[in-house]
C-alpha atoms as a PDB file:
ATOM      1  CA  MET A   1       4.252   0.732  15.525  1.00  0.00           C
ATOM      2  CA  ASN A   2       6.235  -0.108  14.696  1.00  0.00           C
ATOM      3  CA  SER A   3      15.038   3.444  10.988  1.00  0.00           C
ATOM      4  CA  ARG A   4      16.452   5.471   8.469  1.00  0.00           C
ATOM      5  CA  GLN A   5      18.525   5.363   5.239  1.00  0.00           C
ATOM      6  CA  THR A   6      17.772   1.750   4.334  1.00  0.00           C
ATOM      7  CA  PHE A   7      14.092   2.284   5.074  1.00  0.00           C
ATOM      8  CA  ILE A   8      13.920   5.323   2.820  1.00  0.00           C
ATOM      9  CA  VAL A   9      15.575   3.349   0.033  1.00  0.00           C
ATOM     10  CA  ALA A  10      13.022   0.581   0.454  1.00  0.00           C
ATOM     11  CA  ALA A  11      10.209   3.115   0.382  1.00  0.00           C
ATOM     12  CA  LEU A  12      11.546   4.718  -2.772  1.00  0.00           C
ATOM     13  CA  VAL A  13      11.830   1.311  -4.403  1.00  0.00           C
ATOM     14  CA  SER A  14       8.221   0.557  -3.541  1.00  0.00           C
ATOM     15  CA  LEU A  15       7.131   3.813  -5.104  1.00  0.00           C
ATOM     16  CA  ALA A  16       9.328   3.302  -8.154  1.00  0.00           C
ATOM     17  CA  THR A  17       7.915  -0.155  -8.857  1.00  0.00           C
ATOM     18  CA  PRO A  18       4.690   1.078 -10.485  1.00  0.00           C
ATOM     19  CA  TRP A  19       6.803   3.272 -12.778  1.00  0.00           C
ATOM     20  CA  ALA A  20       8.927   0.270 -13.770  1.00  0.00           C
ATOM     21  CA  VAL A  21       5.793  -1.712 -14.531  1.00  0.00           C
ATOM     22  CA  ALA A  22       4.427   1.168 -16.574  1.00  0.00           C
ATOM     23  CA  GLN A  23       7.652   1.402 -18.556  1.00  0.00           C
ATOM     24  CA  SER A  24       7.749  -2.332 -19.246  1.00  0.00           C
ATOM     25  CA  ALA A  25       4.118  -2.221 -20.363  1.00  0.00           C
ATOM     26  CA  ALA A  26       4.633   0.808 -22.601  1.00  0.00           C
ATOM     27  CA  PRO A  27       5.378  -1.158 -25.824  1.00  0.00           C
ATOM     28  CA  ALA A  28       1.908  -2.718 -25.593  1.00  0.00           C
ATOM     29  CA  ALA A  29       0.450   0.683 -26.402  1.00  0.00           C
ATOM     30  CA  SER A  30       1.760   0.411 -29.945  1.00  0.00           C
ATOM     31  CA  ALA A  31       0.026  -2.914 -30.542  1.00  0.00           C
ATOM     32  CA  PRO A  32      -2.717  -2.912 -33.225  1.00  0.00           C
ATOM     33  CA  PRO A  33      -6.132  -2.056 -31.785  1.00  0.00           C
ATOM     34  CA  THR A  34      -8.569  -4.880 -31.237  1.00  0.00           C
ATOM     35  CA  ALA A  35     -11.944  -5.107 -32.893  1.00  0.00           C
ATOM     36  CA  SER A  36     -13.612  -3.649 -29.805  1.00  0.00           C
ATOM     37  CA  ALA A  37     -11.246  -0.645 -29.714  1.00  0.00           C
ATOM     38  CA  THR A  38     -13.488   1.479 -31.925  1.00  0.00           C
ATOM     39  CA  SER A  39     -14.486   4.600 -30.047  1.00  0.00           C
ATOM     40  CA  SER A  40     -17.743   6.495 -29.903  1.00  0.00           C
ATOM     41  CA  PRO A  41     -19.346   9.195 -27.721  1.00  0.00           C
ATOM     42  CA  ALA A  42     -21.673   6.562 -26.261  1.00  0.00           C
ATOM     43  CA  LYS A  43     -18.737   4.329 -25.378  1.00  0.00           C
ATOM     44  CA  LYS A  44     -16.861   7.184 -23.709  1.00  0.00           C
ATOM     45  CA  ASP A  45     -19.967   8.067 -21.719  1.00  0.00           C
ATOM     46  CA  LEU A  46     -20.270   4.473 -20.487  1.00  0.00           C
ATOM     47  CA  ILE A  47     -16.616   4.483 -19.425  1.00  0.00           C
ATOM     48  CA  GLN A  48     -17.099   7.725 -17.466  1.00  0.00           C
ATOM     49  CA  LYS A  49     -20.027   6.146 -15.636  1.00  0.00           C
ATOM     50  CA  ILE A  50     -17.996   3.008 -14.864  1.00  0.00           C
ATOM     51  CA  LEU A  51     -15.119   5.111 -13.508  1.00  0.00           C
ATOM     52  CA  ALA A  52     -17.577   7.071 -11.375  1.00  0.00           C
ATOM     53  CA  ALA A  53     -18.957   3.821  -9.992  1.00  0.00           C
ATOM     54  CA  GLN A  54     -15.413   2.679  -9.195  1.00  0.00           C
ATOM     55  CA  GLN A  55     -14.245   5.986  -7.670  1.00  0.00           C
ATOM     56  CA  THR A  56     -14.183   4.648  -4.120  1.00  0.00           C
ATOM     57  CA  GLY A  57     -12.034   1.695  -5.180  1.00  0.00           C
ATOM     58  CA  ILE A  58      -9.635   4.005  -7.007  1.00  0.00           C
ATOM     59  CA  GLU A  59      -9.350   6.245  -3.937  1.00  0.00           C
ATOM     60  CA  VAL A  60      -8.701   3.264  -1.653  1.00  0.00           C
ATOM     61  CA  MET A  61      -5.967   1.981  -3.982  1.00  0.00           C
ATOM     62  CA  ALA A  62      -4.350   5.440  -4.036  1.00  0.00           C
ATOM     63  CA  GLN A  63      -4.499   5.678  -0.243  1.00  0.00           C
ATOM     64  CA  GLN A  64      -2.880   2.269   0.184  1.00  0.00           C
ATOM     65  CA  LEU A  65      -0.132   3.158  -2.297  1.00  0.00           C
ATOM     66  CA  ALA A  66       0.554   6.488  -0.564  1.00  0.00           C
ATOM     67  CA  GLN A  67       0.655   4.896   2.897  1.00  0.00           C
ATOM     68  CA  GLN A  68       2.839   1.929   1.915  1.00  0.00           C
ATOM     69  CA  PRO A  69       6.222   3.666   2.464  1.00  0.00           C
ATOM     70  CA  ALA A  70       5.134   4.951   5.893  1.00  0.00           C
ATOM     71  CA  GLU A  71       3.894   1.510   6.897  1.00  0.00           C
ATOM     72  CA  MET A  72       7.225  -0.019   5.899  1.00  0.00           C
ATOM     73  CA  LEU A  73       9.076   2.580   7.973  1.00  0.00           C
ATOM     74  CA  LEU A  74       6.839   2.042  10.999  1.00  0.00           C
ATOM     75  CA  GLN A  75       7.249  -1.728  10.862  1.00  0.00           C
ATOM     76  CA  ARG A  76      11.016  -1.537  10.685  1.00  0.00           C
ATOM     77  CA  ALA A  77      11.200   1.223  13.302  1.00  0.00           C
ATOM     78  CA  SER A  78      10.383  -1.404  15.923  1.00  0.00           C
ATOM     79  CA  LEU A  79      13.962  -2.647  15.567  1.00  0.00           C
ATOM     80  CA  ALA A  80      15.379   0.793  16.309  1.00  0.00           C
ATOM     81  CA  LEU A  81      13.013   1.285  19.233  1.00  0.00           C
ATOM     82  CA  GLN A  82      14.540  -1.740  20.964  1.00  0.00           C
ATOM     83  CA  ARG A  83      17.792   0.240  21.241  1.00  0.00           C
ATOM     84  CA  VAL A  84      16.091   3.287  22.745  1.00  0.00           C
ATOM     85  CA  PRO A  85      16.239   3.543  26.581  1.00  0.00           C
ATOM     86  CA  ALA A  86      13.080   2.108  28.067  1.00  0.00           C
ATOM     87  CA  ASP A  87      12.116   5.357  29.798  1.00  0.00           C
ATOM     88  CA  LYS A  88      12.175   7.218  26.452  1.00  0.00           C
ATOM     89  CA  ARG A  89      10.779   4.514  24.207  1.00  0.00           C
ATOM     90  CA  ALA A  90       7.116   5.457  24.524  1.00  0.00           C
ATOM     91  CA  ALA A  91       7.790   9.124  23.766  1.00  0.00           C
ATOM     92  CA  VAL A  92       9.910   8.276  20.732  1.00  0.00           C
ATOM     93  CA  ALA A  93       7.264   5.858  19.463  1.00  0.00           C
ATOM     94  CA  LYS A  94       4.616   8.553  19.873  1.00  0.00           C
ATOM     95  CA  ASP A  95       6.726  11.062  17.934  1.00  0.00           C
ATOM     96  CA  ILE A  96       7.270   8.528  15.145  1.00  0.00           C
ATOM     97  CA  GLN A  97       3.544   7.886  14.941  1.00  0.00           C
ATOM     98  CA  SER A  98       2.927  11.625  14.799  1.00  0.00           C
ATOM     99  CA  ASP A  99       5.427  11.988  11.949  1.00  0.00           C
ATOM    100  CA  ALA A 100       3.776   9.116  10.088  1.00  0.00           C
ATOM    101  CA  LYS A 101       0.327  10.683  10.513  1.00  0.00           C
ATOM    102  CA  LYS A 102       1.639  14.020   9.221  1.00  0.00           C
ATOM    103  CA  TYR A 103       3.071  12.235   6.186  1.00  0.00           C
ATOM    104  CA  ALA A 104      -0.230  10.457   5.519  1.00  0.00           C
ATOM    105  CA  ASP A 105      -2.258  13.651   5.946  1.00  0.00           C
ATOM    106  CA  GLU A 106      -0.069  15.358   3.340  1.00  0.00           C
ATOM    107  CA  ALA A 107       0.615  12.486   0.926  1.00  0.00           C
ATOM    108  CA  VAL A 108      -2.728  10.711   0.680  1.00  0.00           C
ATOM    109  CA  PRO A 109      -4.709  13.663  -0.772  1.00  0.00           C
ATOM    110  CA  ILE A 110      -1.986  14.263  -3.379  1.00  0.00           C
ATOM    111  CA  VAL A 111      -1.926  10.659  -4.576  1.00  0.00           C
ATOM    112  CA  ARG A 112      -5.705  10.275  -4.372  1.00  0.00           C
ATOM    113  CA  GLU A 113      -6.371  13.392  -6.450  1.00  0.00           C
ATOM    114  CA  ARG A 114      -3.782  12.368  -9.039  1.00  0.00           C
ATOM    115  CA  ALA A 115      -5.216   8.850  -9.252  1.00  0.00           C
ATOM    116  CA  LEU A 116      -8.654  10.204 -10.109  1.00  0.00           C
ATOM    117  CA  LYS A 117      -7.147  12.414 -12.827  1.00  0.00           C
ATOM    118  CA  LEU A 118      -5.098   9.549 -14.274  1.00  0.00           C
ATOM    119  CA  ALA A 119      -7.954   7.022 -14.225  1.00  0.00           C
ATOM    120  CA  PRO A 120      -9.597   8.069 -17.532  1.00  0.00           C
ATOM    121  CA  GLY A 121      -6.311   7.832 -19.443  1.00  0.00           C
ATOM    122  CA  THR A 122      -5.295   4.514 -17.879  1.00  0.00           C
ATOM    123  CA  ILE A 123      -8.256   2.438 -16.718  1.00  0.00           C
ATOM    124  CA  GLY A 124     -10.533   4.227 -19.149  1.00  0.00           C
ATOM    125  CA  ALA A 125      -8.175   3.619 -22.063  1.00  0.00           C
ATOM    126  CA  LEU A 126      -7.998  -0.101 -21.254  1.00  0.00           C
ATOM    127  CA  LEU A 127     -11.768  -0.370 -21.060  1.00  0.00           C
ATOM    128  CA  GLU A 128     -12.136   1.423 -24.381  1.00  0.00           C
ATOM    129  CA  GLU A 129      -9.603  -0.874 -26.029  1.00  0.00           C
ATOM    130  CA  LYS A 130     -10.708  -4.194 -24.596  1.00  0.00           C
ATOM    131  CA  PHE A 131     -14.496  -3.847 -24.368  1.00  0.00           C
ATOM    132  CA  SER A 132     -17.186  -3.272 -26.914  1.00  0.00           C
ATOM    133  CA  GLU A 133     -20.009  -0.840 -26.244  1.00  0.00           C
ATOM    134  CA  ASP A 134     -22.391  -3.689 -25.483  1.00  0.00           C
ATOM    135  CA  GLU A 135     -19.913  -5.243 -23.038  1.00  0.00           C
ATOM    136  CA  LEU A 136     -19.471  -1.901 -21.275  1.00  0.00           C
ATOM    137  CA  LYS A 137     -23.227  -1.673 -20.853  1.00  0.00           C
ATOM    138  CA  GLN A 138     -23.196  -5.082 -19.191  1.00  0.00           C
ATOM    139  CA  VAL A 139     -20.308  -4.083 -16.894  1.00  0.00           C
ATOM    140  CA  LEU A 140     -22.113  -0.908 -15.874  1.00  0.00           C
ATOM    141  CA  ALA A 141     -25.319  -2.825 -15.231  1.00  0.00           C
ATOM    142  CA  ILE A 142     -23.443  -5.178 -12.919  1.00  0.00           C
ATOM    143  CA  LEU A 143     -21.732  -2.335 -11.050  1.00  0.00           C
ATOM    144  CA  GLU A 144     -24.967  -0.405 -10.600  1.00  0.00           C
ATOM    145  CA  SER A 145     -27.106  -3.389  -9.666  1.00  0.00           C
ATOM    146  CA  PRO A 146     -28.585  -3.286  -6.146  1.00  0.00           C
ATOM    147  CA  VAL A 147     -27.256  -6.779  -5.454  1.00  0.00           C
ATOM    148  CA  ASN A 148     -23.685  -5.779  -6.326  1.00  0.00           C
ATOM    149  CA  ARG A 149     -23.924  -2.615  -4.244  1.00  0.00           C
ATOM    150  CA  LYS A 150     -25.208  -4.634  -1.314  1.00  0.00           C
ATOM    151  CA  PHE A 151     -22.357  -7.122  -1.735  1.00  0.00           C
ATOM    152  CA  GLN A 152     -19.749  -4.345  -1.940  1.00  0.00           C
ATOM    153  CA  SER A 153     -21.182  -2.622   1.134  1.00  0.00           C
ATOM    154  CA  LEU A 154     -20.562  -5.818   3.099  1.00  0.00           C
ATOM    155  CA  GLY A 155     -16.830  -5.700   2.263  1.00  0.00           C
ATOM    156  CA  PRO A 156     -15.694  -4.147   5.571  1.00  0.00           C
ATOM    157  CA  ASP A 157     -17.948  -6.469   7.583  1.00  0.00           C
ATOM    158  CA  MET A 158     -16.711  -9.554   5.724  1.00  0.00           C
ATOM    159  CA  GLN A 159     -13.058  -8.545   6.195  1.00  0.00           C
ATOM    160  CA  ARG A 160     -13.609  -7.802   9.871  1.00  0.00           C
ATOM    161  CA  SER A 161     -15.488 -11.047  10.462  1.00  0.00           C
ATOM    162  CA  LEU A 162     -12.789 -13.144   8.804  1.00  0.00           C
ATOM    163  CA  GLY A 163      -9.963 -11.134  10.397  1.00  0.00           C
ATOM    164  CA  GLU A 164     -11.301 -11.469  13.939  1.00  0.00           C
ATOM    165  CA  LYS A 165     -11.864 -15.212  13.563  1.00  0.00           C
ATOM    166  CA  LEU A 166      -8.489 -15.715  11.882  1.00  0.00           C
ATOM    167  CA  VAL A 167      -6.615 -13.852  14.623  1.00  0.00           C
ATOM    168  CA  ALA A 168      -8.491 -15.709  17.347  1.00  0.00           C
ATOM    169  CA  GLU A 169      -7.775 -19.142  15.895  1.00  0.00           C
ATOM    170  CA  THR A 170      -4.108 -18.554  14.995  1.00  0.00           C
ATOM    171  CA  ARG A 171      -3.023 -16.455  17.992  1.00  0.00           C
ATOM    172  CA  GLY A 172      -1.868 -19.458  19.994  1.00  0.00           C
ATOM    173  CA  ALA A 173       0.352 -20.684  17.162  1.00  0.00           C
ATOM    174  CA  ILE A 174       1.627 -17.310  15.934  1.00  0.00           C
ATOM    175  CA  GLU A 175       2.251 -15.299  19.125  1.00  0.00           C
ATOM    176  CA  PRO A 176       5.041 -17.602  20.416  1.00  0.00           C
ATOM    177  CA  LYS A 177       6.739 -17.362  17.006  1.00  0.00           C
ATOM    178  CA  VAL A 178       6.490 -13.564  17.011  1.00  0.00           C
ATOM    179  CA  GLN A 179       7.856 -13.408  20.556  1.00  0.00           C
ATOM    180  CA  ALA A 180      10.700 -15.781  19.670  1.00  0.00           C
ATOM    181  CA  LEU A 181      11.555 -13.677  16.606  1.00  0.00           C
ATOM    182  CA  GLU A 182      11.430 -10.476  18.651  1.00  0.00           C
ATOM    183  CA  LYS A 183      13.762 -11.953  21.282  1.00  0.00           C
ATOM    184  CA  SER A 184      16.112 -13.281  18.618  1.00  0.00           C
ATOM    185  CA  ILE A 185      16.331  -9.880  16.921  1.00  0.00           C
ATOM    186  CA  ALA A 186      16.842  -8.097  20.237  1.00  0.00           C
ATOM    187  CA  ARG A 187      19.534 -10.621  21.210  1.00  0.00           C
ATOM    188  CA  ARG A 188      21.390 -10.131  17.939  1.00  0.00           C
ATOM    189  CA  LEU A 189      21.202  -6.341  18.233  1.00  0.00           C
ATOM    190  CA  SER A 190      22.378  -6.326  21.839  1.00  0.00           C
ATOM    191  CA  ALA A 191      25.219  -8.715  20.970  1.00  0.00           C
ATOM    192  CA  THR A 192      26.567  -6.543  18.159  1.00  0.00           C
ATOM    193  CA  ALA A 193      26.189  -3.142  19.845  1.00  0.00           C
ATOM    194  CA  PRO A 194      28.771  -3.647  22.651  1.00  0.00           C
ATOM    195  CA  ALA A 195      31.263  -5.172  20.215  1.00  0.00           C
ATOM    196  CA  ALA A 196      30.964  -2.176  17.961  1.00  0.00           C
ATOM    197  CA  ALA A 197      31.331   0.195  20.906  1.00  0.00           C
ATOM    198  CA  GLY A 198      34.341  -1.727  22.182  1.00  0.00           C
ATOM    199  CA  SER A 199      36.144  -1.675  18.857  1.00  0.00           C
ATOM    200  CA  ALA A 200      35.493   2.046  18.551  1.00  0.00           C
ATOM    201  CA  ALA A 201      36.893   2.662  22.020  1.00  0.00           C
ATOM    202  CA  SER A 202      39.999   0.585  21.337  1.00  0.00           C
ATOM    203  CA  GLY A 203      40.502   2.461  18.101  1.00  0.00           C
ATOM    204  CA  ALA A 204      40.334   5.764  19.953  1.00  0.00           C
ATOM    205  CA  LYS A 205      42.975   4.600  22.451  1.00  0.00           C
ATOM    206  CA  LYS A 206      45.370   3.752  19.615  1.00  0.00           C
END
Protein backbone atom coordinates (compact mmCIF):
# COMPACT_ATOMS: atom_id res chain seq x y z
CA MET A 1 0.00 0.00 0.00
CA ASN A 2 1.74 1.43 -0.50
CA SER A 3 3.09 10.52 -4.90
CA ARG A 4 2.57 12.35 -7.87
CA GLN A 5 4.38 13.91 -10.88
CA THR A 6 7.51 11.76 -10.69
CA PHE A 7 5.40 8.65 -10.23
CA ILE A 8 3.30 9.42 -13.28
CA VAL A 9 6.46 9.93 -15.32
CA ALA A 10 7.77 6.57 -14.16
CA ALA A 11 4.48 4.93 -15.04
CA LEU A 12 4.48 6.47 -18.49
CA VAL A 13 8.03 5.29 -19.04
CA SER A 14 7.05 1.76 -18.07
CA LEU A 15 4.20 1.84 -20.55
CA ALA A 16 6.36 3.37 -23.26
CA THR A 17 9.04 0.70 -22.94
CA PRO A 18 7.16 -1.96 -24.93
CA TRP A 19 6.70 0.59 -27.73
CA ALA A 20 10.44 1.32 -27.74
CA VAL A 21 11.18 -2.39 -27.95
CA ALA A 22 8.69 -2.75 -30.78
CA GLN A 23 10.30 0.12 -32.67
CA SER A 24 13.80 -1.27 -32.22
CA ALA A 25 12.61 -4.68 -33.40
CA ALA A 26 10.78 -3.28 -36.43
CA PRO A 27 13.70 -3.64 -38.91
CA ALA A 28 13.65 -7.41 -38.30
CA ALA A 29 10.32 -7.54 -40.11
CA SER A 30 12.07 -6.78 -43.39
CA ALA A 31 14.48 -9.69 -43.01
CA PRO A 32 14.16 -12.47 -45.63
CA PRO A 33 11.68 -15.15 -44.59
CA THR A 34 13.05 -18.41 -43.28
CA ALA A 35 12.40 -21.76 -44.87
CA SER A 36 9.61 -22.45 -42.39
CA ALA A 37 7.87 -19.13 -43.14
CA THR A 38 5.75 -20.60 -45.93
CA SER A 39 2.10 -20.16 -45.08
CA SER A 40 -0.88 -22.43 -45.57
CA PRO A 41 -4.48 -22.68 -44.32
CA ALA A 42 -3.49 -25.68 -42.20
CA LYS A 43 -0.63 -23.73 -40.63
CA LYS A 44 -2.87 -20.77 -39.84
CA ASP A 45 -5.42 -23.10 -38.27
CA LEU A 46 -2.73 -24.62 -36.04
CA ILE A 47 -1.61 -21.15 -34.94
CA GLN A 48 -5.19 -20.18 -34.04
CA LYS A 49 -5.46 -23.30 -31.89
CA ILE A 50 -2.13 -22.54 -30.18
CA LEU A 51 -3.24 -18.97 -29.45
CA ALA A 52 -6.51 -20.29 -28.04
CA ALA A 53 -4.59 -22.65 -25.79
CA GLN A 54 -2.43 -19.74 -24.62
CA GLN A 55 -5.30 -17.27 -24.11
CA THR A 56 -5.10 -17.38 -20.32
CA GLY A 57 -1.38 -16.62 -20.42
CA ILE A 58 -1.96 -13.71 -22.79
CA GLU A 59 -4.67 -12.31 -20.51
CA VAL A 60 -2.45 -12.62 -17.44
CA MET A 61 0.40 -10.81 -19.22
CA ALA A 62 -1.99 -8.02 -20.26
CA GLN A 63 -3.32 -7.70 -16.71
CA GLN A 64 0.18 -7.46 -15.26
CA LEU A 65 1.16 -4.83 -17.83
CA ALA A 66 -1.98 -2.77 -17.15
CA GLN A 67 -1.51 -2.95 -13.37
CA GLN A 68 2.22 -2.15 -13.38
CA PRO A 69 1.86 1.67 -13.30
CA ALA A 70 -0.66 1.48 -10.43
CA GLU A 71 1.60 -0.86 -8.48
CA MET A 72 4.52 1.53 -8.91
CA LEU A 73 2.38 4.42 -7.65
CA LEU A 74 1.13 2.44 -4.65
CA GLN A 75 4.63 1.38 -3.66
CA ARG A 76 5.98 4.91 -3.80
CA ALA A 77 2.90 6.37 -2.12
CA SER A 78 4.15 4.88 1.15
CA LEU A 79 6.73 7.67 1.25
CA ALA A 80 4.06 10.34 0.97
CA LEU A 81 1.89 8.63 3.57
CA GLN A 82 4.65 9.06 6.15
CA ARG A 83 4.10 12.83 5.90
CA VAL A 84 0.34 12.56 6.40
CA PRO A 85 -0.90 13.16 9.99
CA ALA A 86 -1.29 9.85 11.76
CA ASP A 87 -5.00 10.36 12.44
CA LYS A 88 -5.67 10.80 8.69
CA ARG A 89 -3.21 8.27 7.32
CA ALA A 90 -5.55 5.29 7.26
CA ALA A 91 -8.30 7.22 5.47
CA VAL A 92 -5.88 8.56 2.87
CA ALA A 93 -4.43 5.09 2.31
CA LYS A 94 -7.94 3.71 1.85
CA ASP A 95 -8.78 6.41 -0.70
CA ILE A 96 -5.56 5.69 -2.60
CA GLN A 97 -6.39 2.00 -2.69
CA SER A 98 -9.87 2.83 -3.94
CA ASP A 99 -8.41 4.99 -6.72
CA ALA A 100 -6.02 2.21 -7.68
CA LYS A 101 -8.85 -0.33 -7.81
CA LYS A 102 -10.91 2.01 -10.01
CA TYR A 103 -7.93 2.36 -12.35
CA ALA A 104 -7.47 -1.41 -12.53
CA ASP A 105 -11.18 -2.03 -13.11
CA GLU A 106 -11.10 0.38 -16.06
CA ALA A 107 -7.63 -0.31 -17.50
CA VAL A 108 -7.31 -4.08 -17.28
CA PRO A 109 -10.26 -4.93 -19.58
CA ILE A 110 -9.00 -2.44 -22.19
CA VAL A 111 -5.48 -3.87 -22.27
CA ARG A 112 -6.67 -7.47 -22.04
CA GLU A 113 -9.08 -7.11 -24.96
CA ARG A 114 -6.45 -5.36 -27.08
CA ALA A 115 -3.86 -8.03 -26.27
CA LEU A 116 -6.14 -10.76 -27.56
CA LYS A 117 -6.73 -8.80 -30.78
CA LEU A 118 -3.02 -8.14 -31.27
CA ALA A 119 -1.93 -11.72 -30.54
CA PRO A 120 -2.56 -13.15 -34.04
CA GLY A 121 -0.53 -10.40 -35.73
CA THR A 122 2.34 -10.57 -33.23
CA ILE A 123 2.68 -13.97 -31.57
CA GLY A 124 0.90 -15.62 -34.47
CA ALA A 125 3.17 -13.96 -37.02
CA LEU A 126 6.28 -15.12 -35.15
CA LEU A 127 4.99 -18.68 -34.97
CA GLU A 128 4.21 -18.66 -38.67
CA GLU A 129 7.67 -17.35 -39.51
CA LYS A 130 9.75 -19.49 -37.19
CA PHE A 131 7.91 -22.82 -37.16
CA SER A 132 7.07 -25.32 -39.82
CA GLU A 133 3.65 -26.94 -39.96
CA ASP A 134 5.01 -30.14 -38.44
CA GLU A 135 6.65 -28.21 -35.59
CA LEU A 136 3.40 -26.37 -34.89
CA LYS A 137 1.62 -29.70 -34.63
CA GLN A 138 4.16 -30.80 -32.04
CA VAL A 139 3.76 -27.55 -30.08
CA LEU A 140 -0.02 -27.91 -30.08
CA ALA A 141 0.24 -31.52 -28.97
CA ILE A 142 2.38 -30.46 -26.02
CA LEU A 143 0.03 -27.64 -25.04
CA GLU A 144 -3.05 -29.84 -25.25
CA SER A 145 -1.52 -32.85 -23.53
CA PRO A 146 -3.18 -33.83 -20.23
CA VAL A 147 0.21 -33.86 -18.50
CA ASN A 148 0.97 -30.28 -19.55
CA ARG A 149 -2.49 -29.11 -18.51
CA LYS A 150 -2.04 -30.77 -15.14
CA PHE A 151 1.37 -29.13 -14.74
CA GLN A 152 0.01 -25.70 -15.70
CA SER A 153 -2.92 -26.07 -13.31
CA LEU A 154 -0.43 -26.52 -10.47
CA GLY A 155 1.16 -23.12 -11.23
CA PRO A 156 -0.69 -21.17 -8.50
CA ASP A 157 -0.10 -23.93 -5.94
CA MET A 158 3.61 -24.13 -6.78
CA GLN A 159 4.02 -20.34 -6.55
CA ARG A 160 2.12 -20.22 -3.27
CA SER A 161 4.07 -23.12 -1.78
CA LEU A 162 7.43 -21.58 -2.69
CA GLY A 163 6.32 -18.07 -1.70
CA GLU A 164 5.10 -19.09 1.75
CA LYS A 165 8.27 -21.05 2.49
CA LEU A 166 10.49 -18.30 1.10
CA VAL A 167 8.82 -15.61 3.21
CA ALA A 168 8.95 -17.77 6.32
CA GLU A 169 12.65 -18.55 5.97
CA THR A 170 13.82 -15.04 5.01
CA ARG A 171 11.55 -12.96 7.28
CA GLY A 172 14.08 -12.84 10.10
CA ALA A 173 16.81 -11.53 7.81
CA ILE A 174 14.69 -9.20 5.67
CA GLU A 175 12.28 -7.56 8.13
CA PRO A 176 15.02 -5.73 10.11
CA LYS A 177 16.43 -4.41 6.82
CA VAL A 178 13.00 -3.20 5.69
CA GLN A 179 12.40 -1.54 9.06
CA ALA A 180 15.84 0.09 8.98
CA LEU A 181 15.18 1.38 5.45
CA GLU A 182 11.75 2.67 6.46
CA LYS A 183 13.22 4.51 9.46
CA SER A 184 16.04 5.92 7.36
CA ILE A 185 13.62 7.25 4.73
CA ALA A 186 11.33 8.71 7.39
CA ARG A 187 14.32 10.33 9.12
CA ARG A 188 15.53 11.91 5.89
CA LEU A 189 12.04 13.19 5.05
CA SER A 190 11.48 14.63 8.51
CA ALA A 191 14.92 16.26 8.45
CA THR A 192 14.33 18.05 5.15
CA ALA A 193 10.73 19.15 5.75
CA PRO A 194 11.39 21.61 8.64
CA ALA A 195 14.38 23.09 6.82
CA ALA A 196 12.27 23.73 3.77
CA ALA A 197 9.50 25.25 5.89
CA GLY A 198 12.00 27.42 7.74
CA SER A 199 13.59 28.78 4.59
CA ALA A 200 10.16 29.55 3.19
CA ALA A 201 9.19 31.41 6.35
CA SER A 202 12.41 33.42 6.38
CA GLY A 203 11.87 34.28 2.74
CA ALA A 204 8.39 35.55 3.53
CA LYS A 205 9.74 37.78 6.32
CA LYS A 206 12.21 39.40 3.91
